[in-house]
Amino acid sequence: MKVQYRNPDMSECPTSVEPFARGQELNPSSEYGVLAVAVYDGVVLFLVIDDLDYPSWAPAWLFRTTDTSIPSDWIGNSFTDWPELLLGPDFIASSQADYQKMVELERGKVALLRERRIG
């Protein structure tokens, strides 16, 4: 899956999305590979490698989709608390613990993610 930052008017940002949209390092002329998808507090987030070369969970609201295909090895998982839904490779989506390690930018998880970089 690939997306392009659409450089939206942040005054139109939904209240639920705004906390996740702050501080993103994204460029409107760049296309980003989506490396996982999470739904957190009802907000859809894409995991991308940002312009500072860091994994970043950015709200889907910031993007337009340019390629809807997803890797065949992605799995889906759901939880009763956070994230409510997680789609991605097993080293991210197999458990809440794996997801949390990715959120905390654990070195091994980041290395695996960079190997899978799309785009």
Protein backbone atom coordinates (compact mmCIF):
# COMPACT_ATOMS: atom_id res chain seq x y z
CA MET A 1 0.00 0.00 0.00
CA LYS A 2 1.31 3.44 -0.88
CA VAL A 3 0.07 6.86 0.14
CA GLN A 4 0.92 10.48 -0.59
CA TYR A 5 0.82 13.22 2.03
CA ARG A 6 -1.90 15.60 0.88
CA ASN A 7 -0.78 18.63 2.94
CA PRO A 8 -4.29 19.22 4.33
CA ASP A 9 -5.59 22.39 5.93
CA MET A 10 -5.07 21.54 9.60
CA SER A 11 -7.91 23.87 10.61
CA GLU A 12 -10.18 21.18 9.09
CA CYS A 13 -8.57 18.34 11.06
CA PRO A 14 -11.11 16.29 13.01
CA THR A 15 -10.72 16.67 16.77
CA SER A 16 -10.11 12.94 17.21
CA VAL A 17 -7.29 12.97 14.62
CA GLU A 18 -5.51 16.16 15.73
CA PRO A 19 -3.39 14.67 18.56
CA PHE A 20 -1.98 12.09 16.13
CA ALA A 21 -1.40 14.61 13.33
CA ARG A 22 0.93 16.95 15.24
CA GLY A 23 4.65 16.92 14.50
CA GLN A 24 4.63 14.72 11.42
CA GLU A 25 7.69 15.07 9.16
CA LEU A 26 6.04 14.46 5.79
CA ASN A 27 6.49 16.02 2.36
CA PRO A 28 3.62 16.61 -0.10
CA SER A 29 5.80 15.58 -3.03
CA SER A 30 6.70 12.22 -1.46
CA GLU A 31 5.00 8.87 -1.67
CA TYR A 32 5.20 6.66 1.42
CA GLY A 33 4.92 2.91 1.75
CA VAL A 34 2.45 1.85 4.43
CA LEU A 35 4.18 -0.76 6.59
CA ALA A 36 1.27 -1.45 8.97
CA VAL A 37 -2.18 -0.11 9.82
CA ALA A 38 -3.61 0.41 13.31
CA VAL A 39 -6.91 1.69 14.61
CA TYR A 40 -6.32 3.50 17.89
CA ASP A 41 -9.15 5.26 19.71
CA GLY A 42 -11.16 5.00 16.48
CA VAL A 43 -8.48 6.75 14.39
CA VAL A 44 -6.88 4.89 11.47
CA LEU A 45 -3.09 5.22 11.56
CA PHE A 46 -0.55 4.26 8.90
CA LEU A 47 2.98 3.26 9.84
CA VAL A 48 5.37 4.96 7.41
CA ILE A 49 9.04 5.87 7.36
CA ASP A 50 8.95 9.67 7.59
CA ASP A 51 11.28 12.22 6.01
CA LEU A 52 13.64 11.98 9.01
CA ASP A 53 13.96 8.22 8.31
CA TYR A 54 12.00 7.25 11.43
CA PRO A 55 8.96 4.99 11.71
CA SER A 56 5.93 7.18 12.33
CA TRP A 57 2.29 6.31 13.05
CA ALA A 58 0.48 9.01 11.06
CA PRO A 59 -3.30 9.39 10.69
CA ALA A 60 -4.75 8.14 7.42
CA TRP A 61 -6.59 11.50 7.22
CA LEU A 62 -3.27 13.13 6.20
CA PHE A 63 -2.92 11.00 3.05
CA ARG A 64 -4.47 9.99 -0.22
CA THR A 65 -3.98 6.38 -1.28
CA THR A 66 -1.97 5.85 -4.46
CA ASP A 67 -1.69 2.02 -4.38
CA THR A 68 -4.18 -0.18 -2.51
CA SER A 69 -2.24 -3.45 -2.69
CA ILE A 70 -0.99 -4.97 0.56
CA PRO A 71 1.74 -7.56 1.17
CA SER A 72 0.54 -11.17 1.19
CA ASP A 73 2.21 -11.87 4.53
CA TRP A 74 0.25 -9.29 6.53
CA ILE A 75 -1.90 -10.57 9.36
CA GLY A 76 -4.79 -8.97 11.21
CA ASN A 77 -5.36 -8.84 14.94
CA SER A 78 -7.91 -7.16 17.18
CA PHE A 79 -7.84 -6.31 20.85
CA THR A 80 -10.38 -5.23 23.46
CA ASP A 81 -8.41 -2.09 24.27
CA TRP A 82 -5.60 -0.52 22.19
CA PRO A 83 -5.07 -0.71 19.34
CA GLU A 84 -8.52 -1.92 18.46
CA LEU A 85 -7.29 -3.33 15.13
CA LEU A 86 -3.82 -4.02 13.80
CA LEU A 87 -2.83 -5.08 10.28
CA GLY A 88 0.75 -5.72 9.22
CA PRO A 89 3.65 -8.15 9.31
CA ASP A 90 3.65 -10.61 12.21
CA PHE A 91 6.57 -8.89 13.98
CA ILE A 92 4.22 -5.93 14.52
CA ALA A 93 0.68 -7.35 14.43
CA SER A 94 1.02 -10.67 16.27
CA SER A 95 0.50 -9.16 19.73
CA GLN A 96 0.06 -5.97 21.70
CA ALA A 97 3.58 -6.47 23.04
CA ASP A 98 5.03 -6.53 19.50
CA TYR A 99 3.00 -3.44 18.60
CA GLN A 100 4.23 -1.62 21.71
CA LYS A 101 7.85 -2.47 20.88
CA MET A 102 7.33 -0.89 17.45
CA VAL A 103 5.73 2.20 19.02
CA GLU A 104 8.73 2.48 21.36
CA LEU A 105 11.07 2.14 18.33
CA GLU A 106 12.84 -0.94 19.66
CA ARG A 107 16.02 -1.31 17.61
CA GLY A 108 15.30 -4.84 16.35
CA LYS A 109 11.76 -3.95 15.26
CA VAL A 110 12.96 -0.81 13.47
CA ALA A 111 15.63 -2.84 11.64
CA LEU A 112 13.02 -5.36 10.48
CA LEU A 113 10.76 -2.53 9.38
CA ARG A 114 13.48 -0.78 7.38
CA GLU A 115 14.19 -4.08 5.56
CA ARG A 116 10.57 -4.02 4.39
CA ARG A 117 10.57 -0.39 3.28
CA ILE A 118 8.19 0.22 0.39
CA GLY A 119 8.48 3.05 -2.08
